[in-house]
Amino acid sequence: MTHAEHQGAAGDEHHGLVLQPRGVEFDWSALPMHWIPGEPMATHVVNVLHLLLPEGERWFVRTFKDALPLVRDERLREQVLGFIGQEAVHAEAHQGVLDHLLAKGLDPGPYVRQVEYLFQRVLGERAELTGTAARESLIERVAIVAAIEHFTAFLGDWVLNAEGLDRVGTDPTMLDLIRWHGAEEVEHRSVAYDLLRHLDPGYLRRIRAMAITGPVMLHLWIRGTRFLMAHDPEPLDRRGPTWRGYAAASRRGLLPRLGRASRSAARYLSPRYHPTQEGSTRQAVAYLGSSPAARAAAH
């Protein structure tokens, strides 16, 4: 299949998709500190998701609710409402892991408070702005969401195909959480991008947002991993995260390869880019049909 044919197939399977929140619940009572057995660094690299996502996704929800009055396309409006519903559920699902970490003796509070400051104060709504300035500020926030959603779609596609996590005996409840979440990220991967193009079809804002968001996300992830390993109450070692350790874990399929992540980010820079180029809607929906948590929520 050529690249153009792949894009067409991805678009066809995505067409007509109806996004709906799934009221999933997870029981963390038996979750070990190192839920990838014997792999504290790989565990905590993924655990950074739980530090970033609750407040980040609440910010997504606020931003998209603010943008709804600007949406003039009914189909896109339905997709935005579905996105809002799914992201609200994601935030609460990851909040449960934070509560569990605290109960196990790892207090995420100091790092989480910095994340809250970023999303509430630095990136928050600017009440003093009105008219055109307020609209421009809102579209900038939508552009940042679109850039972040590119990375979450990449991670969702990766985790749905990360057979290495199955081979090493990753905790099944956590594996279901990150695959359920990853599947929904792939499922709604086009919404933020399509909303941005609806509000600003130009190229410059999209690229500027990625140029800022990419390095900031990498910085936050490194700091989050260091924080978690430094405060781990059950350390297997105290050496902290290293790039060599990350590369070794990625070769075993426990973390995404940095080269693939860089190539995915580069695709976003193409004027011909569309999120349907990333991942498979069909695979995502198939996992959501088999996910233990999603199946339980449907009954």
Protein backbone atom coordinates (compact mmCIF):
# COMPACT_ATOMS: atom_id res chain seq x y z
CA MET A 1 0.00 0.00 0.00
CA THR A 2 1.40 3.40 -0.96
CA HIS A 3 1.52 6.29 1.53
CA ALA A 4 -1.34 7.99 -0.30
CA GLU A 5 -3.39 4.80 -0.24
CA HIS A 6 -2.69 4.39 3.49
CA GLN A 7 -3.90 7.94 4.11
CA GLY A 8 -7.06 7.23 2.12
CA ALA A 9 -7.73 4.00 4.03
CA ALA A 10 -7.17 5.73 7.36
CA GLY A 11 -9.57 8.49 6.35
CA ASP A 12 -12.19 5.99 5.21
CA GLU A 13 -12.13 4.03 8.49
CA HIS A 14 -12.31 7.31 10.45
CA HIS A 15 -15.24 8.73 8.48
CA GLY A 16 -18.54 8.78 10.36
CA LEU A 17 -16.97 7.89 13.71
CA VAL A 18 -19.08 8.95 16.70
CA LEU A 19 -17.04 9.78 19.80
CA GLN A 20 -18.51 8.81 23.13
CA PRO A 21 -17.14 8.86 26.68
CA ARG A 22 -16.84 5.50 28.41
CA GLY A 23 -17.38 5.58 32.17
CA VAL A 24 -14.52 3.24 33.04
CA GLU A 25 -13.36 2.37 36.55
CA PHE A 26 -10.12 0.74 37.70
CA ASP A 27 -9.21 -1.01 40.96
CA TRP A 28 -5.67 -0.03 41.99
CA SER A 29 -5.62 -1.88 45.33
CA ALA A 30 -3.23 -4.59 44.06
CA LEU A 31 -1.04 -2.36 41.86
CA PRO A 32 2.68 -2.78 42.69
CA MET A 33 4.96 0.25 42.77
CA HIS A 34 6.93 -1.10 39.80
CA TRP A 35 4.09 -2.35 37.64
CA ILE A 36 6.51 -3.19 34.83
CA PRO A 37 8.26 -5.94 36.84
CA GLY A 38 11.86 -5.14 37.72
CA GLU A 39 11.77 -1.95 35.62
CA PRO A 40 11.54 1.14 37.86
CA MET A 41 12.73 3.55 35.17
CA ALA A 42 10.34 2.31 32.48
CA THR A 43 7.52 2.27 35.05
CA HIS A 44 8.15 5.87 36.07
CA VAL A 45 8.61 7.16 32.51
CA VAL A 46 5.06 6.00 31.84
CA ASN A 47 3.91 7.15 35.30
CA VAL A 48 4.65 10.75 34.24
CA LEU A 49 1.39 10.47 32.28
CA HIS A 50 -0.48 10.30 35.58
CA LEU A 51 1.27 13.47 36.79
CA LEU A 52 0.61 15.51 33.64
CA LEU A 53 -2.73 14.32 32.36
CA PRO A 54 -5.33 15.03 35.07
CA GLU A 55 -4.72 18.80 35.09
CA GLY A 56 -3.72 18.92 31.42
CA GLU A 57 -6.89 17.23 30.25
CA ARG A 58 -9.05 19.42 32.48
CA TRP A 59 -7.39 22.35 30.69
CA PHE A 60 -8.22 20.72 27.32
CA VAL A 61 -11.87 20.52 28.41
CA ARG A 62 -11.98 24.18 29.49
CA THR A 63 -10.32 25.30 26.26
CA PHE A 64 -12.67 23.36 24.01
CA LYS A 65 -15.74 24.51 25.94
CA ASP A 66 -14.57 28.09 25.37
CA ALA A 67 -14.10 27.34 21.66
CA LEU A 68 -17.54 25.78 21.11
CA PRO A 69 -19.30 29.12 20.35
CA LEU A 70 -16.83 29.66 17.47
CA VAL A 71 -17.59 26.34 15.76
CA ARG A 72 -19.77 26.84 12.68
CA ASP A 73 -19.76 23.23 11.44
CA GLU A 74 -22.31 20.89 13.08
CA ARG A 75 -20.29 17.70 12.46
CA LEU A 76 -17.19 19.27 14.02
CA ARG A 77 -19.28 20.53 16.95
CA GLU A 78 -20.40 16.95 17.65
CA GLN A 79 -16.79 15.77 17.53
CA VAL A 80 -15.68 18.52 19.90
CA LEU A 81 -18.42 17.57 22.38
CA GLY A 82 -17.35 13.90 22.16
CA PHE A 83 -13.72 14.93 22.72
CA ILE A 84 -14.70 16.95 25.80
CA GLY A 85 -16.56 13.96 27.25
CA GLN A 86 -13.67 11.54 26.67
CA GLU A 87 -11.01 13.89 28.06
CA ALA A 88 -13.01 14.52 31.23
CA VAL A 89 -13.13 10.76 31.89
CA HIS A 90 -9.38 10.42 31.17
CA ALA A 91 -8.54 13.07 33.76
CA GLU A 92 -10.41 11.23 36.51
CA ALA A 93 -9.01 7.81 35.55
CA HIS A 94 -5.43 9.06 35.93
CA GLN A 95 -6.29 10.94 39.12
CA GLY A 96 -7.05 7.55 40.67
CA VAL A 97 -3.45 6.46 40.04
CA LEU A 98 -2.13 9.61 41.74
CA ASP A 99 -4.24 8.82 44.79
CA HIS A 100 -2.87 5.26 44.81
CA LEU A 101 0.76 6.46 44.55
CA LEU A 102 0.20 8.71 47.56
CA ALA A 103 -1.25 5.80 49.55
CA LYS A 104 1.82 3.70 48.63
CA GLY A 105 4.18 6.35 49.99
CA LEU A 106 5.07 8.34 46.87
CA ASP A 107 3.66 11.86 47.22
CA PRO A 108 3.23 13.35 43.71
CA GLY A 109 2.06 16.68 45.15
CA PRO A 110 5.16 18.87 44.62
CA TYR A 111 5.39 18.04 40.91
CA VAL A 112 1.63 18.10 40.33
CA ARG A 113 1.39 21.58 41.85
CA GLN A 114 3.90 22.82 39.25
CA VAL A 115 1.79 21.24 36.50
CA GLU A 116 -1.30 22.92 37.91
CA TYR A 117 0.49 26.27 37.84
CA LEU A 118 1.40 25.73 34.18
CA PHE A 119 -2.13 24.88 33.04
CA GLN A 120 -4.08 27.18 35.35
CA ARG A 121 -1.88 30.29 35.41
CA VAL A 122 0.54 30.24 32.46
CA LEU A 123 -1.87 28.70 29.93
CA GLY A 124 -5.13 29.59 31.64
CA GLU A 125 -7.93 31.80 30.39
CA ARG A 126 -7.06 35.51 30.17
CA ALA A 127 -10.11 37.24 31.66
CA GLU A 128 -8.70 40.70 30.93
CA LEU A 129 -8.72 40.09 27.16
CA THR A 130 -11.72 40.99 25.02
CA GLY A 131 -12.72 40.98 21.36
CA THR A 132 -10.06 40.00 18.82
CA ALA A 133 -7.35 39.62 21.47
CA ALA A 134 -9.46 37.11 23.43
CA ARG A 135 -10.22 35.15 20.26
CA GLU A 136 -6.53 35.03 19.28
CA SER A 137 -5.54 33.85 22.76
CA LEU A 138 -8.15 31.09 22.59
CA ILE A 139 -6.97 29.91 19.16
CA GLU A 140 -3.38 29.80 20.49
CA ARG A 141 -4.58 27.48 23.24
CA VAL A 142 -6.35 25.29 20.68
CA ALA A 143 -3.10 25.14 18.67
CA ILE A 144 -1.22 23.94 21.76
CA VAL A 145 -3.86 21.25 22.37
CA ALA A 146 -3.52 20.13 18.74
CA ALA A 147 0.26 19.79 19.15
CA ILE A 148 -0.09 17.82 22.40
CA GLU A 149 -2.76 15.60 20.86
CA HIS A 150 -0.30 14.67 18.11
CA PHE A 151 2.02 13.26 20.78
CA THR A 152 -0.79 11.49 22.66
CA ALA A 153 -1.93 9.87 19.39
CA PHE A 154 1.64 8.71 18.76
CA LEU A 155 1.83 7.26 22.28
CA GLY A 156 -1.60 5.67 21.90
CA ASP A 157 -0.57 3.95 18.67
CA TRP A 158 2.67 2.81 20.31
CA VAL A 159 1.05 1.30 23.41
CA LEU A 160 -1.58 -0.55 21.38
CA ASN A 161 1.29 -2.31 19.60
CA ALA A 162 3.76 -2.58 22.52
CA GLU A 163 4.00 -6.37 22.75
CA GLY A 164 7.09 -6.02 24.94
CA LEU A 165 4.85 -4.89 27.81
CA ASP A 166 2.90 -8.15 27.56
CA ARG A 167 6.07 -10.27 27.42
CA VAL A 168 7.46 -8.96 30.71
CA GLY A 169 4.21 -9.40 32.66
CA THR A 170 3.08 -5.78 33.03
CA ASP A 171 0.29 -5.36 35.58
CA PRO A 172 -2.91 -6.09 33.62
CA THR A 173 -5.00 -3.31 35.19
CA MET A 174 -2.44 -0.63 34.39
CA LEU A 175 -1.91 -2.07 30.92
CA ASP A 176 -5.65 -1.84 30.31
CA LEU A 177 -5.71 1.78 31.53
CA ILE A 178 -2.94 2.96 29.24
CA ARG A 179 -4.25 0.96 26.27
CA TRP A 180 -7.85 2.10 26.82
CA HIS A 181 -6.64 5.69 27.05
CA GLY A 182 -4.29 5.23 24.10
CA ALA A 183 -7.10 3.77 21.99
CA GLU A 184 -9.33 6.77 22.70
CA GLU A 185 -6.45 9.12 21.85
CA VAL A 186 -6.13 7.40 18.47
CA GLU A 187 -9.91 7.41 18.09
CA HIS A 188 -10.22 11.19 18.58
CA ARG A 189 -6.80 12.15 17.20
CA SER A 190 -8.20 14.43 14.47
CA VAL A 191 -10.52 16.59 16.57
CA ALA A 192 -8.08 19.17 17.95
CA TYR A 193 -6.34 19.51 14.58
CA ASP A 194 -9.64 19.87 12.71
CA LEU A 195 -10.83 22.46 15.23
CA LEU A 196 -7.61 24.44 14.81
CA ARG A 197 -7.93 24.36 11.00
CA HIS A 198 -11.56 25.47 11.35
CA LEU A 199 -10.51 28.49 13.42
CA ASP A 200 -7.23 29.19 11.60
CA PRO A 201 -6.47 27.30 8.37
CA GLY A 202 -2.99 28.83 8.16
CA TYR A 203 0.30 26.98 8.60
CA LEU A 204 2.32 29.32 10.82
CA ARG A 205 0.31 29.06 14.05
CA ARG A 206 0.28 25.25 13.93
CA ILE A 207 4.05 25.04 13.47
CA ARG A 208 4.78 27.72 16.06
CA ALA A 209 2.70 25.83 18.63
CA MET A 210 4.58 22.59 17.94
CA ALA A 211 7.95 24.36 18.14
CA ILE A 212 7.05 25.52 21.66
CA THR A 213 5.09 22.49 22.84
CA GLY A 214 7.53 19.75 21.80
CA PRO A 215 10.53 20.95 23.85
CA VAL A 216 8.32 21.84 26.83
CA MET A 217 6.74 18.36 26.83
CA LEU A 218 10.18 16.72 26.69
CA HIS A 219 11.42 18.89 29.57
CA LEU A 220 8.37 18.10 31.70
CA TRP A 221 8.73 14.38 31.01
CA ILE A 222 12.40 14.29 32.01
CA ARG A 223 11.74 16.27 35.19
CA GLY A 224 8.76 14.07 36.03
CA THR A 225 10.77 10.88 35.63
CA ARG A 226 13.56 12.24 37.80
CA PHE A 227 11.06 13.32 40.45
CA LEU A 228 9.36 9.92 40.59
CA MET A 229 12.60 7.95 40.76
CA ALA A 230 14.02 10.24 43.44
CA HIS A 231 10.91 9.79 45.61
CA ASP A 232 10.28 6.10 44.93
CA PRO A 233 9.78 4.43 48.35
CA GLU A 234 10.77 1.02 46.91
CA PRO A 235 13.91 1.82 44.89
CA LEU A 236 15.76 -0.98 43.14
CA ASP A 237 18.62 1.50 42.71
CA ARG A 238 19.19 5.22 43.18
CA ARG A 239 21.01 5.96 39.94
CA GLY A 240 18.09 7.86 38.44
CA PRO A 241 17.02 7.92 34.80
CA THR A 242 19.63 7.85 32.02
CA TRP A 243 19.39 8.05 28.25
CA ARG A 244 21.24 4.73 28.06
CA GLY A 245 18.62 3.15 30.32
CA TYR A 246 15.83 4.61 28.23
CA ALA A 247 17.37 3.28 25.01
CA ALA A 248 17.76 -0.18 26.53
CA ALA A 249 14.12 -0.24 27.67
CA SER A 250 12.93 0.97 24.26
CA ARG A 251 14.87 -1.81 22.51
CA ARG A 252 12.95 -4.31 24.66
CA GLY A 253 9.67 -2.68 23.60
CA LEU A 254 8.91 -1.20 27.03
CA LEU A 255 9.12 2.44 25.93
CA PRO A 256 8.72 4.22 22.57
CA ARG A 257 11.86 4.55 20.46
CA LEU A 258 13.05 8.15 20.33
CA GLY A 259 13.74 7.92 16.60
CA ARG A 260 10.13 6.99 15.88
CA ALA A 261 8.91 9.81 18.11
CA SER A 262 11.14 12.32 16.29
CA ARG A 263 9.92 11.14 12.87
CA SER A 264 6.32 11.44 14.05
CA ALA A 265 6.93 15.02 15.23
CA ALA A 266 8.54 15.82 11.87
CA ARG A 267 5.43 14.60 10.03
CA TYR A 268 3.40 17.24 11.87
CA LEU A 269 5.51 19.91 10.15
CA SER A 270 4.38 18.88 6.67
CA PRO A 271 1.83 21.21 5.02
CA ARG A 272 0.03 18.01 3.88
CA TYR A 273 -0.18 16.54 7.39
CA HIS A 274 -3.41 15.19 8.83
CA PRO A 275 -3.75 13.16 12.08
CA THR A 276 -5.35 10.22 10.25
CA GLN A 277 -1.78 9.44 9.11
CA GLU A 278 -1.03 8.40 12.71
CA GLY A 279 -2.34 5.08 14.00
CA SER A 280 -5.40 3.05 13.02
CA THR A 281 -8.96 3.89 14.01
CA ARG A 282 -9.95 0.29 13.29
CA GLN A 283 -7.33 -1.04 15.74
CA ALA A 284 -8.31 1.51 18.39
CA VAL A 285 -12.01 0.70 18.18
CA ALA A 286 -11.21 -3.02 18.26
CA TYR A 287 -9.28 -2.60 21.52
CA LEU A 288 -12.08 -0.52 23.02
CA GLY A 289 -14.39 -3.44 22.23
CA SER A 290 -12.15 -5.87 24.14
CA SER A 291 -10.84 -3.67 26.99
CA PRO A 292 -11.97 -5.14 30.34
CA ALA A 293 -12.70 -1.67 31.76
CA ALA A 294 -14.52 -0.47 28.65
CA ARG A 295 -16.58 -3.68 28.46
CA ALA A 296 -17.53 -3.34 32.14
CA ALA A 297 -18.56 0.29 31.56
CA ALA A 298 -20.80 -0.74 28.67
CA HIS A 299 -22.87 -3.09 30.89
